[in-house]
Amino acid sequence: MDIDAFVATHQYSWARLGDLTQRARKLKSVSPDELDELVGLYQRTSSHLAHARLEYGGDEAIVGRLTYLVAGAHGILYGRRETNVRRSVTRFLALQATGNNTVSGVYLAPDDDVQLLAEHLHRVQLIVIDFPQFTDGRGYSQARLLRDHFHFAGELRASGDVRPDQLLFMARAGIDVFEFTETPDQNLVKQILSRFRVNYQPSYALPVAG
């Protein structure tokens, strides 16, 4: 399916996801039926995002739009409730060594070696990458290694000193969810994620000069 057909097929459900997310954000609640619909649309759009990265990676507009939608819905549905499943790399590996495979999230500090997780990534659903300062670029390298070299297909979440003007670069590295200490202006985030359609450097799921 070419990109125009892909957009035409799914644009209604994407618009509906955006509407439900905005409604939940403003009203702080939705009906049970709307919540079920929101969960279904979030899951479906997440799969659309994964497909778009593989098939249409050169089109930053569509990847940015879907990243924005998925991140917004994720914040409404899950917020910070997964904190109890996060473990440091050291703790996670120790649990794996004892046969404890119940932990589904890993917290990745800037100094952590991503390669230590290689043989366990098929069990991991979430990796939180810490950005202690916005000038610290190690998290980008970790994200690229996880996506490009180890083909990690789960959620990569940026946490710490995350600022709106970093989002496009984080998304291009393969990060798909962003934690902010303060909620940014949603229009600004959307504008940033869809700012550029052509890139002149290699990026996750993007060809050079894509």
N, C-alpha and C. Protein backbone atom coordinates (compact mmCIF):
# COMPACT_ATOMS: atom_id res chain seq x y z
N MET A 1 0.84 -1.19 0.00
CA MET A 1 0.00 0.00 0.00
C MET A 1 0.89 1.25 0.00
N ASP A 2 0.63 2.16 -0.97
CA ASP A 2 1.44 3.37 -0.99
C ASP A 2 0.98 4.32 0.11
N ILE A 3 1.78 5.35 0.34
CA ILE A 3 1.53 6.20 1.50
C ILE A 3 0.21 6.95 1.41
N ASP A 4 -0.19 7.36 0.21
CA ASP A 4 -1.46 8.08 0.07
C ASP A 4 -2.64 7.19 0.42
N ALA A 5 -2.58 5.94 -0.03
CA ALA A 5 -3.64 4.99 0.30
C ALA A 5 -3.64 4.67 1.79
N PHE A 6 -2.45 4.57 2.36
CA PHE A 6 -2.31 4.29 3.79
C PHE A 6 -2.97 5.40 4.61
N VAL A 7 -2.68 6.64 4.27
CA VAL A 7 -3.27 7.78 4.99
C VAL A 7 -4.77 7.82 4.80
N ALA A 8 -5.23 7.63 3.55
CA ALA A 8 -6.66 7.69 3.27
C ALA A 8 -7.42 6.61 4.02
N THR A 9 -6.82 5.43 4.17
CA THR A 9 -7.47 4.32 4.85
C THR A 9 -7.64 4.56 6.34
N HIS A 10 -6.65 5.22 6.94
CA HIS A 10 -6.63 5.31 8.40
C HIS A 10 -6.85 6.70 8.96
N GLN A 11 -7.01 7.70 8.13
CA GLN A 11 -7.05 9.07 8.64
C GLN A 11 -8.24 9.32 9.57
N TYR A 12 -9.36 8.64 9.33
CA TYR A 12 -10.52 8.85 10.22
C TYR A 12 -10.21 8.36 11.63
N SER A 13 -9.62 7.17 11.73
CA SER A 13 -9.32 6.63 13.07
C SER A 13 -8.26 7.48 13.77
N TRP A 14 -7.32 8.04 13.01
CA TRP A 14 -6.31 8.91 13.62
C TRP A 14 -6.95 10.19 14.16
N ALA A 15 -7.86 10.74 13.36
CA ALA A 15 -8.55 11.96 13.80
C ALA A 15 -9.38 11.68 15.04
N ARG A 16 -10.00 10.52 15.07
CA ARG A 16 -10.82 10.15 16.22
C ARG A 16 -9.95 9.97 17.47
N LEU A 17 -8.78 9.37 17.31
CA LEU A 17 -7.86 9.21 18.43
C LEU A 17 -7.45 10.57 18.97
N GLY A 18 -7.14 11.50 18.08
CA GLY A 18 -6.76 12.84 18.50
C GLY A 18 -7.89 13.53 19.24
N ASP A 19 -9.13 13.38 18.75
CA ASP A 19 -10.28 14.01 19.39
C ASP A 19 -10.51 13.44 20.79
N LEU A 20 -10.44 12.11 20.91
CA LEU A 20 -10.66 11.48 22.22
C LEU A 20 -9.56 11.87 23.22
N THR A 21 -8.33 11.93 22.73
CA THR A 21 -7.22 12.31 23.61
C THR A 21 -7.39 13.74 24.10
N GLN A 22 -7.75 14.63 23.20
CA GLN A 22 -7.96 16.03 23.59
C GLN A 22 -9.13 16.17 24.55
N ARG A 23 -10.18 15.40 24.30
CA ARG A 23 -11.35 15.44 25.18
C ARG A 23 -10.98 14.96 26.58
N ALA A 24 -10.24 13.86 26.66
CA ALA A 24 -9.83 13.31 27.95
C ALA A 24 -8.91 14.27 28.69
N ARG A 25 -8.06 14.95 27.94
CA ARG A 25 -7.12 15.89 28.56
C ARG A 25 -7.85 17.11 29.13
N LYS A 26 -8.87 17.59 28.43
CA LYS A 26 -9.58 18.78 28.88
C LYS A 26 -10.57 18.47 29.98
N LEU A 27 -11.30 17.35 29.84
CA LEU A 27 -12.36 17.02 30.79
C LEU A 27 -11.87 16.15 31.93
N LYS A 28 -10.63 15.62 31.81
CA LYS A 28 -10.03 14.76 32.83
C LYS A 28 -10.73 13.41 32.96
N SER A 29 -11.72 13.14 32.10
CA SER A 29 -12.39 11.85 32.16
C SER A 29 -13.13 11.61 30.85
N VAL A 30 -13.39 10.34 30.57
CA VAL A 30 -14.20 9.95 29.41
C VAL A 30 -15.12 8.84 29.88
N SER A 31 -16.16 8.56 29.09
CA SER A 31 -17.09 7.50 29.44
C SER A 31 -16.42 6.14 29.28
N PRO A 32 -16.96 5.09 29.91
CA PRO A 32 -16.38 3.75 29.73
C PRO A 32 -16.29 3.32 28.28
N ASP A 33 -17.32 3.64 27.50
CA ASP A 33 -17.29 3.27 26.08
C ASP A 33 -16.20 4.03 25.33
N GLU A 34 -16.04 5.31 25.67
CA GLU A 34 -15.00 6.11 25.03
C GLU A 34 -13.62 5.63 25.45
N LEU A 35 -13.48 5.20 26.70
CA LEU A 35 -12.19 4.67 27.16
C LEU A 35 -11.83 3.41 26.40
N ASP A 36 -12.78 2.52 26.20
CA ASP A 36 -12.53 1.30 25.42
C ASP A 36 -12.12 1.66 23.99
N GLU A 37 -12.81 2.64 23.42
CA GLU A 37 -12.49 3.07 22.07
C GLU A 37 -11.09 3.68 22.02
N LEU A 38 -10.75 4.47 23.03
CA LEU A 38 -9.43 5.11 23.09
C LEU A 38 -8.32 4.06 23.15
N VAL A 39 -8.51 3.03 23.97
CA VAL A 39 -7.51 1.97 24.09
C VAL A 39 -7.33 1.26 22.74
N GLY A 40 -8.45 0.93 22.08
CA GLY A 40 -8.37 0.26 20.79
C GLY A 40 -7.68 1.10 19.73
N LEU A 41 -8.02 2.39 19.69
CA LEU A 41 -7.41 3.28 18.71
C LEU A 41 -5.93 3.50 19.00
N TYR A 42 -5.57 3.58 20.28
CA TYR A 42 -4.16 3.72 20.66
C TYR A 42 -3.36 2.51 20.19
N GLN A 43 -3.86 1.32 20.43
CA GLN A 43 -3.16 0.10 20.01
C GLN A 43 -3.05 0.03 18.49
N ARG A 44 -4.12 0.37 17.80
CA ARG A 44 -4.12 0.32 16.34
C ARG A 44 -3.16 1.35 15.76
N THR A 45 -3.19 2.56 16.30
CA THR A 45 -2.31 3.61 15.79
C THR A 45 -0.85 3.32 16.11
N SER A 46 -0.58 2.66 17.22
CA SER A 46 0.79 2.24 17.54
C SER A 46 1.32 1.29 16.47
N SER A 47 0.46 0.37 16.02
CA SER A 47 0.89 -0.55 14.96
C SER A 47 1.06 0.20 13.64
N HIS A 48 0.22 1.21 13.40
CA HIS A 48 0.37 2.04 12.20
C HIS A 48 1.71 2.79 12.23
N LEU A 49 2.10 3.27 13.42
CA LEU A 49 3.37 3.98 13.56
C LEU A 49 4.54 3.06 13.25
N ALA A 50 4.49 1.83 13.77
CA ALA A 50 5.57 0.88 13.49
C ALA A 50 5.65 0.58 12.00
N HIS A 51 4.50 0.44 11.36
CA HIS A 51 4.46 0.18 9.91
C HIS A 51 5.00 1.37 9.13
N ALA A 52 4.60 2.57 9.54
CA ALA A 52 5.03 3.78 8.83
C ALA A 52 6.53 3.95 8.92
N ARG A 53 7.12 3.64 10.07
CA ARG A 53 8.57 3.77 10.22
C ARG A 53 9.30 2.83 9.27
N LEU A 54 8.77 1.65 9.08
CA LEU A 54 9.43 0.68 8.21
C LEU A 54 9.21 0.97 6.74
N GLU A 55 7.99 1.35 6.39
CA GLU A 55 7.63 1.48 4.98
C GLU A 55 7.75 2.89 4.43
N TYR A 56 7.50 3.90 5.27
CA TYR A 56 7.47 5.28 4.79
C TYR A 56 8.37 6.17 5.64
N GLY A 57 9.48 5.62 6.11
CA GLY A 57 10.35 6.36 7.03
C GLY A 57 10.83 7.69 6.49
N GLY A 58 10.91 7.83 5.18
CA GLY A 58 11.39 9.07 4.59
C GLY A 58 10.41 10.22 4.72
N ASP A 59 9.16 9.92 5.06
CA ASP A 59 8.16 10.96 5.20
C ASP A 59 8.02 11.34 6.67
N GLU A 60 8.74 12.38 7.09
CA GLU A 60 8.73 12.77 8.49
C GLU A 60 7.37 13.28 8.93
N ALA A 61 6.55 13.79 8.00
CA ALA A 61 5.25 14.33 8.37
C ALA A 61 4.36 13.24 8.93
N ILE A 62 4.29 12.10 8.25
CA ILE A 62 3.40 11.03 8.71
C ILE A 62 3.95 10.38 9.97
N VAL A 63 5.27 10.15 10.02
CA VAL A 63 5.86 9.55 11.22
C VAL A 63 5.71 10.49 12.41
N GLY A 64 5.93 11.78 12.21
CA GLY A 64 5.78 12.76 13.27
C GLY A 64 4.34 12.85 13.76
N ARG A 65 3.40 12.83 12.83
CA ARG A 65 1.98 12.90 13.20
C ARG A 65 1.57 11.71 14.05
N LEU A 66 1.96 10.52 13.64
CA LEU A 66 1.59 9.32 14.38
C LEU A 66 2.30 9.25 15.72
N THR A 67 3.57 9.69 15.76
CA THR A 67 4.29 9.74 17.04
C THR A 67 3.58 10.65 18.02
N TYR A 68 3.14 11.79 17.54
CA TYR A 68 2.41 12.75 18.38
C TYR A 68 1.11 12.15 18.91
N LEU A 69 0.36 11.47 18.04
CA LEU A 69 -0.91 10.87 18.46
C LEU A 69 -0.70 9.77 19.48
N VAL A 70 0.26 8.89 19.22
CA VAL A 70 0.52 7.77 20.12
C VAL A 70 1.02 8.26 21.48
N ALA A 71 1.94 9.23 21.47
CA ALA A 71 2.46 9.76 22.72
C ALA A 71 1.37 10.43 23.55
N GLY A 72 0.49 11.18 22.89
CA GLY A 72 -0.60 11.85 23.60
C GLY A 72 -1.56 10.87 24.23
N ALA A 73 -1.96 9.85 23.47
CA ALA A 73 -2.89 8.85 24.00
C ALA A 73 -2.25 8.04 25.11
N HIS A 74 -0.96 7.73 24.94
CA HIS A 74 -0.25 6.98 25.97
C HIS A 74 -0.26 7.74 27.30
N GLY A 75 -0.02 9.03 27.26
CA GLY A 75 -0.01 9.83 28.47
C GLY A 75 -1.36 9.81 29.18
N ILE A 76 -2.44 9.82 28.41
CA ILE A 76 -3.77 9.77 28.99
C ILE A 76 -4.05 8.41 29.61
N LEU A 77 -3.71 7.36 28.90
CA LEU A 77 -4.06 6.01 29.34
C LEU A 77 -3.20 5.50 30.48
N TYR A 78 -1.90 5.80 30.43
CA TYR A 78 -0.99 5.16 31.36
C TYR A 78 -0.27 6.13 32.30
N GLY A 79 -0.08 7.36 31.88
CA GLY A 79 0.61 8.32 32.73
C GLY A 79 1.90 7.75 33.25
N ARG A 80 2.07 7.74 34.55
CA ARG A 80 3.28 7.24 35.19
C ARG A 80 3.03 5.93 35.94
N ARG A 81 1.97 5.19 35.57
CA ARG A 81 1.62 4.02 36.35
C ARG A 81 2.57 2.84 36.17
N GLU A 82 3.42 2.88 35.15
CA GLU A 82 4.31 1.74 34.94
C GLU A 82 5.57 1.80 35.79
N THR A 83 5.68 2.78 36.67
CA THR A 83 6.93 2.92 37.42
C THR A 83 7.26 1.67 38.22
N ASN A 84 6.25 0.89 38.62
CA ASN A 84 6.53 -0.30 39.42
C ASN A 84 7.12 -1.44 38.60
N VAL A 85 7.12 -1.34 37.26
CA VAL A 85 7.71 -2.40 36.46
C VAL A 85 9.09 -2.01 35.95
N ARG A 86 9.55 -0.82 36.24
CA ARG A 86 10.87 -0.40 35.81
C ARG A 86 11.93 -0.90 36.77
N ARG A 87 13.04 -1.32 36.22
CA ARG A 87 14.17 -1.72 37.04
C ARG A 87 15.44 -1.20 36.38
N SER A 88 16.46 -0.94 37.19
CA SER A 88 17.75 -0.57 36.62
C SER A 88 18.29 -1.76 35.85
N VAL A 89 19.24 -1.50 34.98
CA VAL A 89 19.84 -2.59 34.19
C VAL A 89 20.44 -3.65 35.11
N THR A 90 21.15 -3.21 36.14
CA THR A 90 21.79 -4.15 37.07
C THR A 90 20.75 -5.02 37.76
N ARG A 91 19.68 -4.40 38.26
CA ARG A 91 18.63 -5.15 38.94
C ARG A 91 17.90 -6.07 37.98
N PHE A 92 17.62 -5.58 36.79
CA PHE A 92 16.94 -6.39 35.79
C PHE A 92 17.74 -7.65 35.45
N LEU A 93 19.04 -7.49 35.23
CA LEU A 93 19.89 -8.64 34.89
C LEU A 93 19.97 -9.62 36.05
N ALA A 94 19.99 -9.08 37.27
CA ALA A 94 20.02 -9.96 38.44
C ALA A 94 18.75 -10.79 38.53
N LEU A 95 17.62 -10.18 38.24
CA LEU A 95 16.35 -10.90 38.26
C LEU A 95 16.29 -11.96 37.17
N GLN A 96 16.82 -11.61 35.98
CA GLN A 96 16.84 -12.59 34.89
C GLN A 96 17.70 -13.80 35.26
N ALA A 97 18.79 -13.55 35.97
CA ALA A 97 19.69 -14.64 36.36
C ALA A 97 19.03 -15.60 37.33
N THR A 98 18.03 -15.11 38.08
CA THR A 98 17.33 -15.98 39.04
C THR A 98 16.07 -16.59 38.44
N GLY A 99 15.85 -16.33 37.15
CA GLY A 99 14.67 -16.88 36.50
C GLY A 99 13.41 -16.06 36.67
N ASN A 100 13.54 -14.85 37.22
CA ASN A 100 12.40 -13.96 37.40
C ASN A 100 12.19 -13.14 36.13
N ASN A 101 11.18 -13.53 35.35
CA ASN A 101 10.93 -12.87 34.06
C ASN A 101 9.69 -12.00 34.10
N THR A 102 9.30 -11.57 35.29
CA THR A 102 8.06 -10.80 35.41
C THR A 102 8.25 -9.31 35.17
N VAL A 103 9.50 -8.85 35.17
CA VAL A 103 9.77 -7.43 34.97
C VAL A 103 9.74 -7.11 33.48
N SER A 104 8.93 -6.14 33.09
CA SER A 104 8.76 -5.83 31.67
C SER A 104 9.34 -4.48 31.29
N GLY A 105 9.90 -3.75 32.25
CA GLY A 105 10.45 -2.43 31.96
C GLY A 105 11.83 -2.25 32.54
N VAL A 106 12.67 -1.54 31.81
CA VAL A 106 14.05 -1.30 32.23
C VAL A 106 14.32 0.20 32.20
N TYR A 107 15.01 0.67 33.23
CA TYR A 107 15.44 2.07 33.30
C TYR A 107 16.90 2.14 32.88
N LEU A 108 17.17 2.91 31.83
CA LEU A 108 18.51 2.96 31.24
C LEU A 108 19.17 4.28 31.59
N ALA A 109 20.21 4.22 32.43
CA ALA A 109 20.98 5.42 32.77
C ALA A 109 21.99 5.72 31.67
N PRO A 110 22.49 6.94 31.58
CA PRO A 110 23.41 7.31 30.50
C PRO A 110 24.66 6.44 30.43
N ASP A 111 25.14 5.95 31.56
CA ASP A 111 26.36 5.14 31.58
C ASP A 111 26.12 3.66 31.31
N ASP A 112 24.87 3.24 31.22
CA ASP A 112 24.57 1.82 31.05
C ASP A 112 24.95 1.32 29.66
N ASP A 113 25.41 0.08 29.61
CA ASP A 113 25.79 -0.56 28.35
C ASP A 113 24.58 -1.28 27.78
N VAL A 114 24.07 -0.78 26.67
CA VAL A 114 22.88 -1.36 26.05
C VAL A 114 23.10 -2.82 25.67
N GLN A 115 24.31 -3.18 25.30
CA GLN A 115 24.58 -4.53 24.84
C GLN A 115 24.32 -5.58 25.92
N LEU A 116 24.33 -5.19 27.18
CA LEU A 116 24.04 -6.13 28.25
C LEU A 116 22.61 -6.65 28.20
N LEU A 117 21.74 -5.89 27.53
CA LEU A 117 20.33 -6.27 27.45
C LEU A 117 20.01 -7.11 26.22
N ALA A 118 20.98 -7.30 25.33
CA ALA A 118 20.72 -7.87 24.02
C ALA A 118 19.91 -9.17 24.05
N GLU A 119 20.32 -10.12 24.87
CA GLU A 119 19.65 -11.42 24.85
C GLU A 119 18.34 -11.44 25.62
N HIS A 120 17.98 -10.32 26.24
CA HIS A 120 16.75 -10.26 27.03
C HIS A 120 15.70 -9.35 26.41
N LEU A 121 16.00 -8.68 25.32
CA LEU A 121 15.11 -7.66 24.79
C LEU A 121 13.76 -8.22 24.35
N HIS A 122 13.71 -9.50 23.99
CA HIS A 122 12.43 -10.08 23.57
C HIS A 122 11.43 -10.15 24.73
N ARG A 123 11.91 -9.99 25.96
CA ARG A 123 11.03 -10.01 27.13
C ARG A 123 10.64 -8.59 27.59
N VAL A 124 11.29 -7.60 27.03
CA VAL A 124 11.12 -6.22 27.51
C VAL A 124 10.08 -5.48 26.67
N GLN A 125 9.14 -4.84 27.33
CA GLN A 125 8.12 -4.05 26.65
C GLN A 125 8.43 -2.56 26.66
N LEU A 126 9.17 -2.13 27.67
CA LEU A 126 9.42 -0.70 27.86
C LEU A 126 10.85 -0.47 28.31
N ILE A 127 11.52 0.48 27.66
CA ILE A 127 12.82 0.94 28.11
C ILE A 127 12.75 2.45 28.28
N VAL A 128 13.01 2.91 29.49
CA VAL A 128 13.02 4.34 29.79
C VAL A 128 14.46 4.83 29.72
N ILE A 129 14.72 5.78 28.85
CA ILE A 129 16.06 6.32 28.68
C ILE A 129 16.16 7.65 29.41
N ASP A 130 17.11 7.73 30.32
CA ASP A 130 17.26 8.93 31.14
C ASP A 130 18.10 9.97 30.43
N PHE A 131 17.57 11.20 30.38
CA PHE A 131 18.30 12.37 29.89
C PHE A 131 18.47 13.31 31.07
N PRO A 132 19.55 13.16 31.85
CA PRO A 132 19.72 13.97 33.07
C PRO A 132 19.85 15.46 32.77
N GLN A 133 20.41 15.79 31.62
CA GLN A 133 20.51 17.17 31.15
C GLN A 133 20.22 17.19 29.66
N PHE A 134 19.62 18.27 29.19
CA PHE A 134 19.25 18.30 27.77
C PHE A 134 20.48 18.32 26.86
N THR A 135 21.64 18.65 27.41
CA THR A 135 22.86 18.65 26.61
C THR A 135 23.53 17.28 26.55
N ASP A 136 23.02 16.30 27.29
CA ASP A 136 23.60 14.96 27.34
C ASP A 136 23.04 14.14 26.18
N GLY A 137 23.89 13.81 25.22
CA GLY A 137 23.43 13.12 24.01
C GLY A 137 23.55 11.61 24.05
N ARG A 138 23.96 11.03 25.17
CA ARG A 138 24.16 9.59 25.21
C ARG A 138 22.87 8.81 25.00
N GLY A 139 21.76 9.38 25.43
CA GLY A 139 20.48 8.70 25.26
C GLY A 139 20.11 8.50 23.81
N TYR A 140 20.50 9.44 22.95
CA TYR A 140 20.24 9.29 21.51
C TYR A 140 20.98 8.07 20.96
N SER A 141 22.24 7.93 21.38
CA SER A 141 23.05 6.80 20.92
C SER A 141 22.46 5.48 21.41
N GLN A 142 22.00 5.47 22.65
CA GLN A 142 21.39 4.26 23.19
C GLN A 142 20.13 3.89 22.40
N ALA A 143 19.32 4.88 22.10
CA ALA A 143 18.09 4.63 21.34
C ALA A 143 18.39 4.09 19.94
N ARG A 144 19.34 4.72 19.26
CA ARG A 144 19.70 4.27 17.92
C ARG A 144 20.23 2.85 17.94
N LEU A 145 21.04 2.52 18.93
CA LEU A 145 21.59 1.17 19.03
C LEU A 145 20.48 0.15 19.27
N LEU A 146 19.55 0.49 20.14
CA LEU A 146 18.44 -0.42 20.42
C LEU A 146 17.57 -0.65 19.19
N ARG A 147 17.28 0.40 18.46
CA ARG A 147 16.42 0.27 17.29
C ARG A 147 17.15 -0.33 16.09
N ASP A 148 18.30 0.21 15.75
CA ASP A 148 18.97 -0.17 14.51
C ASP A 148 19.76 -1.46 14.61
N HIS A 149 20.45 -1.66 15.71
CA HIS A 149 21.33 -2.83 15.84
C HIS A 149 20.60 -4.02 16.46
N PHE A 150 19.83 -3.77 17.51
CA PHE A 150 19.16 -4.86 18.21
C PHE A 150 17.69 -5.01 17.80
N HIS A 151 17.20 -4.10 16.97
CA HIS A 151 15.83 -4.17 16.44
C HIS A 151 14.78 -4.27 17.55
N PHE A 152 14.98 -3.52 18.61
CA PHE A 152 14.02 -3.49 19.70
C PHE A 152 12.72 -2.87 19.20
N ALA A 153 11.61 -3.58 19.40
CA ALA A 153 10.32 -3.13 18.86
C ALA A 153 9.38 -2.61 19.94
N GLY A 154 9.82 -2.62 21.19
CA GLY A 154 8.97 -2.13 22.26
C GLY A 154 9.00 -0.62 22.37
N GLU A 155 8.48 -0.12 23.48
CA GLU A 155 8.40 1.32 23.69
C GLU A 155 9.72 1.87 24.21
N LEU A 156 10.20 2.94 23.58
CA LEU A 156 11.35 3.70 24.07
C LEU A 156 10.82 5.04 24.57
N ARG A 157 11.07 5.30 25.85
CA ARG A 157 10.54 6.51 26.46
C ARG A 157 11.66 7.40 26.97
N ALA A 158 11.60 8.67 26.61
CA ALA A 158 12.58 9.64 27.11
C ALA A 158 12.07 10.22 28.42
N SER A 159 12.96 10.27 29.42
CA SER A 159 12.59 10.80 30.73
C SER A 159 13.72 11.71 31.22
N GLY A 160 13.39 12.60 32.12
CA GLY A 160 14.41 13.50 32.65
C GLY A 160 14.24 14.91 32.14
N ASP A 161 15.34 15.51 31.67
CA ASP A 161 15.31 16.88 31.17
C ASP A 161 14.91 16.87 29.70
N VAL A 162 13.63 16.61 29.46
CA VAL A 162 13.10 16.49 28.10
C VAL A 162 12.39 17.79 27.75
N ARG A 163 12.80 18.39 26.64
CA ARG A 163 12.25 19.68 26.22
C ARG A 163 11.66 19.57 24.82
N PRO A 164 10.64 20.37 24.52
CA PRO A 164 9.98 20.27 23.23
C PRO A 164 10.91 20.36 22.02
N ASP A 165 11.95 21.22 22.10
CA ASP A 165 12.81 21.38 20.93
C ASP A 165 13.73 20.17 20.69
N GLN A 166 13.69 19.17 21.59
CA GLN A 166 14.45 17.95 21.39
C GLN A 166 13.63 16.86 20.70
N LEU A 167 12.32 17.02 20.64
CA LEU A 167 11.44 15.91 20.27
C LEU A 167 11.70 15.36 18.88
N LEU A 168 11.93 16.22 17.92
CA LEU A 168 12.16 15.74 16.56
C LEU A 168 13.40 14.86 16.51
N PHE A 169 14.46 15.26 17.18
CA PHE A 169 15.70 14.49 17.19
C PHE A 169 15.52 13.17 17.94
N MET A 170 14.74 13.21 19.04
CA MET A 170 14.47 11.99 19.78
C MET A 170 13.64 11.03 18.93
N ALA A 171 12.64 11.55 18.25
CA ALA A 171 11.80 10.70 17.41
C ALA A 171 12.62 10.06 16.28
N ARG A 172 13.53 10.82 15.72
CA ARG A 172 14.37 10.29 14.64
C ARG A 172 15.33 9.22 15.15
N ALA A 173 15.64 9.25 16.45
CA ALA A 173 16.50 8.22 17.04
C ALA A 173 15.71 6.97 17.40
N GLY A 174 14.37 7.04 17.32
CA GLY A 174 13.54 5.88 17.61
C GLY A 174 12.75 5.97 18.89
N ILE A 175 12.85 7.08 19.61
CA ILE A 175 12.08 7.27 20.83
C ILE A 175 10.65 7.65 20.45
N ASP A 176 9.67 6.97 21.09
CA ASP A 176 8.30 7.22 20.68
C ASP A 176 7.38 7.76 21.77
N VAL A 177 7.88 7.87 23.00
CA VAL A 177 7.08 8.45 24.09
C VAL A 177 7.98 9.39 24.88
N PHE A 178 7.41 10.52 25.34
CA PHE A 178 8.19 11.54 26.02
C PHE A 178 7.55 11.90 27.35
N GLU A 179 8.34 11.91 28.40
CA GLU A 179 7.88 12.33 29.71
C GLU A 179 8.37 13.74 29.99
N PHE A 180 7.43 14.65 30.27
CA PHE A 180 7.78 16.03 30.59
C PHE A 180 7.52 16.31 32.06
N THR A 181 8.35 17.12 32.66
CA THR A 181 8.08 17.53 34.04
C THR A 181 6.91 18.50 34.07
N GLU A 182 6.74 19.26 33.00
CA GLU A 182 5.59 20.14 32.84
C GLU A 182 5.00 19.92 31.46
N THR A 183 3.68 19.86 31.38
CA THR A 183 3.02 19.60 30.11
C THR A 183 3.27 20.74 29.14
N PRO A 184 3.85 20.44 27.97
CA PRO A 184 4.14 21.51 27.00
C PRO A 184 2.89 21.87 26.19
N ASP A 185 2.98 22.94 25.47
CA ASP A 185 1.90 23.33 24.58
C ASP A 185 1.76 22.30 23.47
N GLN A 186 0.58 21.70 23.35
CA GLN A 186 0.39 20.61 22.40
C GLN A 186 0.56 21.05 20.95
N ASN A 187 0.15 22.26 20.64
CA ASN A 187 0.32 22.76 19.27
C ASN A 187 1.79 22.91 18.92
N LEU A 188 2.59 23.34 19.91
CA LEU A 188 4.03 23.47 19.68
C LEU A 188 4.65 22.10 19.43
N VAL A 189 4.26 21.10 20.22
CA VAL A 189 4.79 19.75 20.04
C VAL A 189 4.44 19.22 18.65
N LYS A 190 3.21 19.40 18.25
CA LYS A 190 2.78 18.92 16.94
C LYS A 190 3.55 19.62 15.83
N GLN A 191 3.76 20.91 15.98
CA GLN A 191 4.51 21.67 14.97
C GLN A 191 5.94 21.19 14.87
N ILE A 192 6.58 20.93 16.00
CA ILE A 192 7.97 20.48 16.00
C ILE A 192 8.11 19.13 15.34
N LEU A 193 7.20 18.19 15.68
CA LEU A 193 7.32 16.83 15.16
C LEU A 193 7.04 16.74 13.66
N SER A 194 6.38 17.74 13.10
CA SER A 194 6.08 17.70 11.67
C SER A 194 6.82 18.79 10.90
N ARG A 195 7.88 19.33 11.49
CA ARG A 195 8.55 20.50 10.92
C ARG A 195 9.27 20.19 9.61
N PHE A 196 9.97 19.04 9.55
CA PHE A 196 10.79 18.75 8.39
C PHE A 196 10.32 17.48 7.69
N ARG A 197 10.34 17.51 6.38
CA ARG A 197 9.95 16.34 5.58
C ARG A 197 11.16 15.63 4.99
N VAL A 198 12.31 16.31 4.91
CA VAL A 198 13.50 15.71 4.32
C VAL A 198 14.65 15.86 5.30
N ASN A 199 15.44 14.78 5.46
CA ASN A 199 16.58 14.80 6.36
C ASN A 199 17.86 14.56 5.58
N TYR A 200 18.96 15.13 6.05
CA TYR A 200 20.23 14.99 5.37
C TYR A 200 21.25 14.26 6.24
N GLN A 201 20.76 13.55 7.24
CA GLN A 201 21.59 12.69 8.06
C GLN A 201 20.84 11.38 8.25
N PRO A 202 21.56 10.28 8.46
CA PRO A 202 20.87 9.01 8.72
C PRO A 202 20.04 9.11 10.00
N SER A 203 18.86 8.48 10.01
CA SER A 203 18.04 8.48 11.21
C SER A 203 17.30 7.16 11.27
N TYR A 204 16.70 6.87 12.44
CA TYR A 204 15.99 5.61 12.61
C TYR A 204 14.88 5.50 11.58
N ALA A 205 14.88 4.41 10.86
CA ALA A 205 13.88 4.11 9.84
C ALA A 205 13.84 5.13 8.73
N LEU A 206 14.91 5.90 8.56
CA LEU A 206 14.96 6.89 7.50
C LEU A 206 16.20 6.67 6.64
N PRO A 207 16.06 6.74 5.32
CA PRO A 207 17.23 6.66 4.46
C PRO A 207 18.02 7.96 4.48
N VAL A 208 19.28 7.92 4.15
CA VAL A 208 20.08 9.14 4.07
C VAL A 208 19.50 10.06 3.01
N ALA A 209 19.38 11.35 3.35
CA ALA A 209 18.77 12.34 2.45
C ALA A 209 17.38 11.93 2.03
N GLY A 210 16.71 11.17 2.98
CA GLY A 210 15.40 10.54 2.78
C GLY A 210 14.40 11.21 1.98
